[in-house]
Protein backbone atom coordinates (compact mmCIF):
# COMPACT_ATOMS: atom_id res chain seq x y z
CA GLN A 1 -41.10 -52.50 40.58
CA ALA A 2 -44.40 -50.79 40.80
CA TYR A 3 -42.77 -48.14 43.06
CA GLN A 4 -39.84 -47.57 40.57
CA GLN A 5 -42.62 -47.39 37.62
CA GLU A 6 -44.34 -44.42 39.54
CA ALA A 7 -41.11 -42.77 40.60
CA GLN A 8 -39.72 -42.67 36.78
CA PRO A 9 -42.67 -40.26 35.55
CA GLN A 10 -42.12 -38.04 38.47
CA GLN A 11 -38.50 -37.76 37.79
CA GLY A 12 -39.42 -36.97 34.23
CA TYR A 13 -41.81 -34.21 35.37
CA GLN A 14 -39.12 -32.51 37.55
CA GLN A 15 -36.79 -32.68 34.65
CA ASN A 16 -39.24 -30.90 32.31
CA VAL A 17 -40.04 -28.41 35.13
CA GLN A 18 -36.63 -27.33 35.72
CA PRO A 19 -35.91 -26.03 32.27
CA GLN A 20 -39.14 -24.22 32.24
CA GLN A 21 -38.14 -22.67 35.53
CA MET A 22 -34.74 -21.55 34.20
CA TYR A 23 -36.54 -20.01 30.88
CA GLN A 24 -38.93 -18.18 32.99
CA GLN A 25 -35.98 -16.66 35.24
CA ASN A 26 -34.15 -15.81 32.07
CA LEU A 27 -37.24 -13.81 30.82
CA SER A 28 -37.63 -12.08 34.08
CA GLN A 29 -34.07 -11.19 34.09
CA GLN A 30 -34.08 -9.75 30.51
CA GLY A 31 -37.38 -7.98 31.22
CA TYR A 32 -35.61 -6.47 34.30
CA GLN A 33 -32.70 -5.26 32.17
CA GLN A 34 -35.03 -3.83 29.49
CA ASN A 35 -37.64 -2.21 31.62
CA PRO A 36 -35.35 0.69 32.50
CA GLN A 37 -34.32 1.30 28.97
CA MET A 38 -38.02 1.26 27.92
CA GLN A 39 -39.06 3.47 30.69
CA ALA A 40 -36.37 5.94 29.86
CA MET A 41 -37.53 6.12 26.10
CA TYR A 42 -41.09 6.32 27.17
CA GLN A 43 -40.35 9.48 29.32
CA GLN A 44 -38.11 10.94 26.75
CA ASN A 45 -41.20 10.57 24.19
CA SER A 46 -43.60 11.81 26.47
CA GLN A 47 -41.51 14.65 27.34
CA GLN A 48 -41.10 15.64 23.61
CA PHE A 49 -44.84 15.28 23.07
CA ASN A 50 -45.53 17.52 26.16
CA GLU A 51 -43.14 20.14 24.77
CA MET A 52 -44.59 20.17 21.23
CA LYS A 53 -48.06 20.37 22.85
CA GLU A 54 -47.04 23.31 24.84
CA LYS A 55 -45.52 25.19 21.82
CA SER A 56 -48.38 24.51 19.59
CA THR A 57 -50.83 25.83 22.24
CA VAL A 58 -48.77 28.86 22.96
CA TYR A 59 -48.47 29.29 19.08
CA LEU A 60 -52.17 28.94 18.40
CA LYS A 61 -53.01 31.49 21.27
CA GLU A 62 -50.59 33.92 20.07
CA LEU A 63 -51.93 33.50 16.32
CA LEU A 64 -55.47 34.03 17.64
CA ASN A 65 -54.59 37.08 19.54
CA THR A 66 -52.67 38.55 16.61
CA TRP A 67 -55.68 38.02 14.37
CA ILE A 68 -58.05 39.52 16.55
CA CYS A 69 -55.84 42.62 17.14
CA ILE A 70 -55.29 43.20 13.55
CA LEU A 71 -59.09 42.95 12.84
CA LYS A 72 -59.73 45.49 15.56
CA GLN A 73 -57.03 47.96 14.52
CA PRO A 74 -55.79 47.00 11.16
CA VAL A 75 -53.77 50.04 10.60
CA VAL A 76 -52.10 50.31 13.74
CA MET A 77 -51.57 46.77 14.63
CA GLY A 78 -50.99 45.77 11.16
CA ARG A 79 -48.01 48.17 10.83
CA GLN A 80 -46.48 47.01 14.02
CA PHE A 81 -46.86 43.43 13.05
CA VAL A 82 -45.09 44.02 9.69
CA THR A 83 -42.18 45.65 11.50
CA SER A 84 -41.99 42.97 14.10
CA GLY A 85 -40.78 40.31 11.33
CA LYS A 86 -42.82 37.45 12.99
CA ASN A 87 -43.07 35.56 9.98
CA SER A 88 -44.25 32.23 11.62
CA LEU A 89 -47.56 34.29 12.65
CA GLY A 90 -47.62 35.53 9.23
CA ILE A 91 -47.60 32.15 7.61
CA GLY A 92 -50.14 30.89 9.95
CA LEU A 93 -52.60 34.01 8.91
CA ILE A 94 -51.88 32.99 5.28
CA VAL A 95 -52.58 29.26 6.06
CA ILE A 96 -55.97 30.26 7.64
CA GLN A 97 -56.86 32.18 4.50
CA ALA A 98 -55.84 29.16 2.20
CA ILE A 99 -58.16 26.84 4.53
CA LEU A 100 -61.05 29.20 4.12
CA THR A 101 -60.44 29.44 0.33
CA ALA A 102 -60.24 25.45 -0.07
CA ILE A 103 -63.47 25.32 1.81
CA PHE A 104 -65.17 27.62 -0.58
CA GLY A 105 -63.89 25.73 -3.56
CA CYS A 106 -65.57 22.41 -1.93
CA VAL A 107 -68.86 24.18 -1.54
CA LEU A 108 -68.77 25.41 -5.03
CA ALA A 109 -67.65 21.94 -6.23
CA GLY A 110 -70.47 20.40 -4.21
CA LYS A 111 -73.12 22.96 -5.82
CA PHE A 112 -71.76 22.00 -9.15
CA ASN A 113 -72.06 18.19 -8.59
CA SER A 114 -75.44 18.50 -7.17
CA THR A 115 -76.63 20.62 -10.12
CA ILE A 116 -75.09 18.00 -12.86
CA LYS A 117 -76.67 15.21 -10.98
CA SER A 118 -80.19 16.95 -10.85
CA ALA A 119 -79.82 17.84 -14.62
CA VAL A 120 -78.96 14.10 -15.72
CA SER A 121 -81.68 12.78 -13.35
CA SER A 122 -84.41 14.99 -14.92
CA THR A 123 -83.08 14.27 -18.59
CA LEU A 124 -82.90 10.32 -18.02
CA GLY A 125 -85.95 10.22 -15.87
CA SER A 126 -85.88 6.60 -14.52
CA TYR A 127 -83.71 5.40 -11.84
CA SER A 128 -82.35 2.33 -14.04
CA ASP A 129 -81.12 4.56 -16.72
CA LEU A 130 -79.30 6.75 -14.21
CA ALA A 131 -77.67 3.75 -12.81
CA SER A 132 -76.38 2.73 -16.03
CA TYR A 133 -74.69 5.97 -16.52
CA SER A 134 -73.29 6.24 -13.13
CA ALA A 135 -69.76 5.51 -14.21
CA GLU A 136 -69.82 8.12 -16.89
CA LEU A 137 -71.40 10.50 -14.45
CA ASP A 138 -68.88 10.13 -11.71
CA LYS A 139 -66.17 11.17 -14.50
CA CYS A 140 -67.87 14.48 -14.69
CA LEU A 141 -68.18 15.18 -11.11
CA CYS A 142 -65.49 17.08 -9.08
CA SER A 143 -63.62 15.17 -6.30
CA LEU A 144 -64.08 17.04 -3.20
CA PRO A 145 -60.56 16.08 -1.80
CA THR A 146 -58.85 16.93 -5.04
CA VAL A 147 -60.55 20.42 -5.07
CA PHE A 148 -59.46 21.12 -1.40
CA ILE A 149 -55.74 20.21 -1.83
CA LEU A 150 -55.65 21.98 -5.22
CA SER A 151 -57.40 25.14 -3.78
CA LEU A 152 -55.02 24.99 -0.74
CA VAL A 153 -51.75 24.49 -2.56
CA VAL A 154 -52.79 27.46 -5.16
CA SER A 155 -53.71 29.82 -2.36
CA LEU A 156 -50.33 29.21 -0.45
CA ILE A 157 -48.49 29.57 -3.60
CA GLY A 158 -50.09 32.68 -4.52
CA SER A 159 -49.58 34.34 -1.08
CA PHE A 160 -45.75 33.50 -0.95
CA ALA A 161 -45.47 34.79 -4.66
CA LEU A 162 -47.33 37.96 -3.62
CA ALA A 163 -44.82 38.57 -0.78
CA GLY A 164 -41.96 38.11 -3.09
CA LEU A 165 -43.71 40.60 -5.44
CA LEU A 166 -44.01 43.03 -2.66
CA LEU A 167 -40.40 42.67 -1.68
CA ALA A 168 -39.25 43.60 -5.19
CA GLY A 169 -41.61 46.38 -5.31
CA VAL A 170 -40.56 48.07 -2.10
CA LYS A 171 -37.05 47.67 -2.89
CA ILE A 172 -37.32 49.14 -6.32
CA CYS A 173 -39.80 52.05 -5.75
CA LYS A 174 -38.87 53.22 -2.34
CA GLY A 175 -35.54 51.69 -1.77
CA TYR A 176 -36.62 50.49 1.73
CA ASN A 177 -34.40 47.79 3.38
CA ALA A 178 -37.13 45.32 3.50
CA ASN A 179 -36.84 41.42 3.86
CA TYR A 180 -39.12 38.64 2.85
CA LYS A 181 -40.21 37.88 6.45
CA SER A 182 -41.60 41.36 6.72
CA MET A 183 -43.37 40.80 3.36
CA LEU A 184 -44.95 37.57 4.64
CA CYS A 185 -46.29 39.55 7.53
CA ALA A 186 -47.64 42.10 5.41
CA VAL A 187 -49.52 39.51 3.31
CA GLY A 188 -50.76 37.93 6.52
CA VAL A 189 -52.29 41.10 7.43
CA ARG A 190 -54.07 41.32 4.13
CA ALA A 191 -55.26 37.54 4.71
CA VAL A 192 -57.01 38.76 8.00
CA GLY A 193 -59.23 41.10 6.03
CA ILE A 194 -59.72 38.32 3.31
CA SER A 195 -60.63 35.72 5.77
CA ILE A 196 -63.56 37.88 7.06
CA LEU A 197 -65.00 38.23 3.72
CA GLN A 198 -64.38 34.68 2.77
CA VAL A 199 -66.48 33.75 5.92
CA VAL A 200 -69.19 36.05 4.71
CA ALA A 201 -69.05 34.48 1.22
CA LEU A 202 -69.50 31.00 2.79
CA LEU A 203 -72.58 32.16 4.75
CA MET A 204 -74.01 33.75 1.53
CA CYS A 205 -73.63 30.49 -0.31
CA VAL A 206 -76.71 29.23 1.65
CA PHE A 207 -78.87 32.09 0.34
CA ASN A 208 -77.34 33.32 -3.04
CA LEU A 209 -74.33 31.61 -4.76
CA VAL A 210 -73.89 34.17 -7.27
CA TRP A 211 -73.56 36.77 -4.55
CA ALA A 212 -71.05 34.59 -2.69
CA ILE A 213 -69.03 34.33 -5.70
CA ALA A 214 -68.78 37.94 -6.29
CA ILE A 215 -67.91 38.45 -2.37
CA PHE A 216 -65.07 35.99 -2.75
CA ILE A 217 -63.67 37.65 -5.86
CA ILE A 218 -63.87 41.12 -4.23
CA ALA A 219 -62.01 39.67 -1.08
CA ASP A 220 -59.07 38.39 -3.28
CA ILE A 221 -58.80 41.91 -5.11
């Protein structure tokens, strides 16, 4: 009887082990069946990512070379670029100008915020009074992310609208068979010159804010 009692737990243990072994075998078979599919999806995604990375690298190099060539020879290379009709590079040059415009807007907003804070702190005097008016003060300050996005969008809209106006003017005045792509390239050539002056205006913000604003306005004209 004692032997039978010892044998019963062993039989129960074997009965419990067998379903676990079957479950593990099923999992291994399913994993073996799914692994080729997962590997194929991974290879496809990695291939697409590498292709996008290569295209982006080639585009950025071509954009930088175009920017440098137009900067060195604005008349000759600018005319060749307009006739080439590479509107994707023209849009890239416009985007660079828009980003610099947005950065300059954030610098001005930061200067405005610091001026308001210093004026309020000098007026109120104590830190406790300033802390009590902090909520009202935050409403008067400019949000830098909002300024960046608005400046970027407005600059892009203005550049695309300018390309449309140039297209209408060329067709009306000269009767030249132009298209919108070539006008985007023309605005891109303009954006190269503006970008240089915008960089100068950003550097001038450290020394004289009035001169920086003046240079930025002259650049847009």
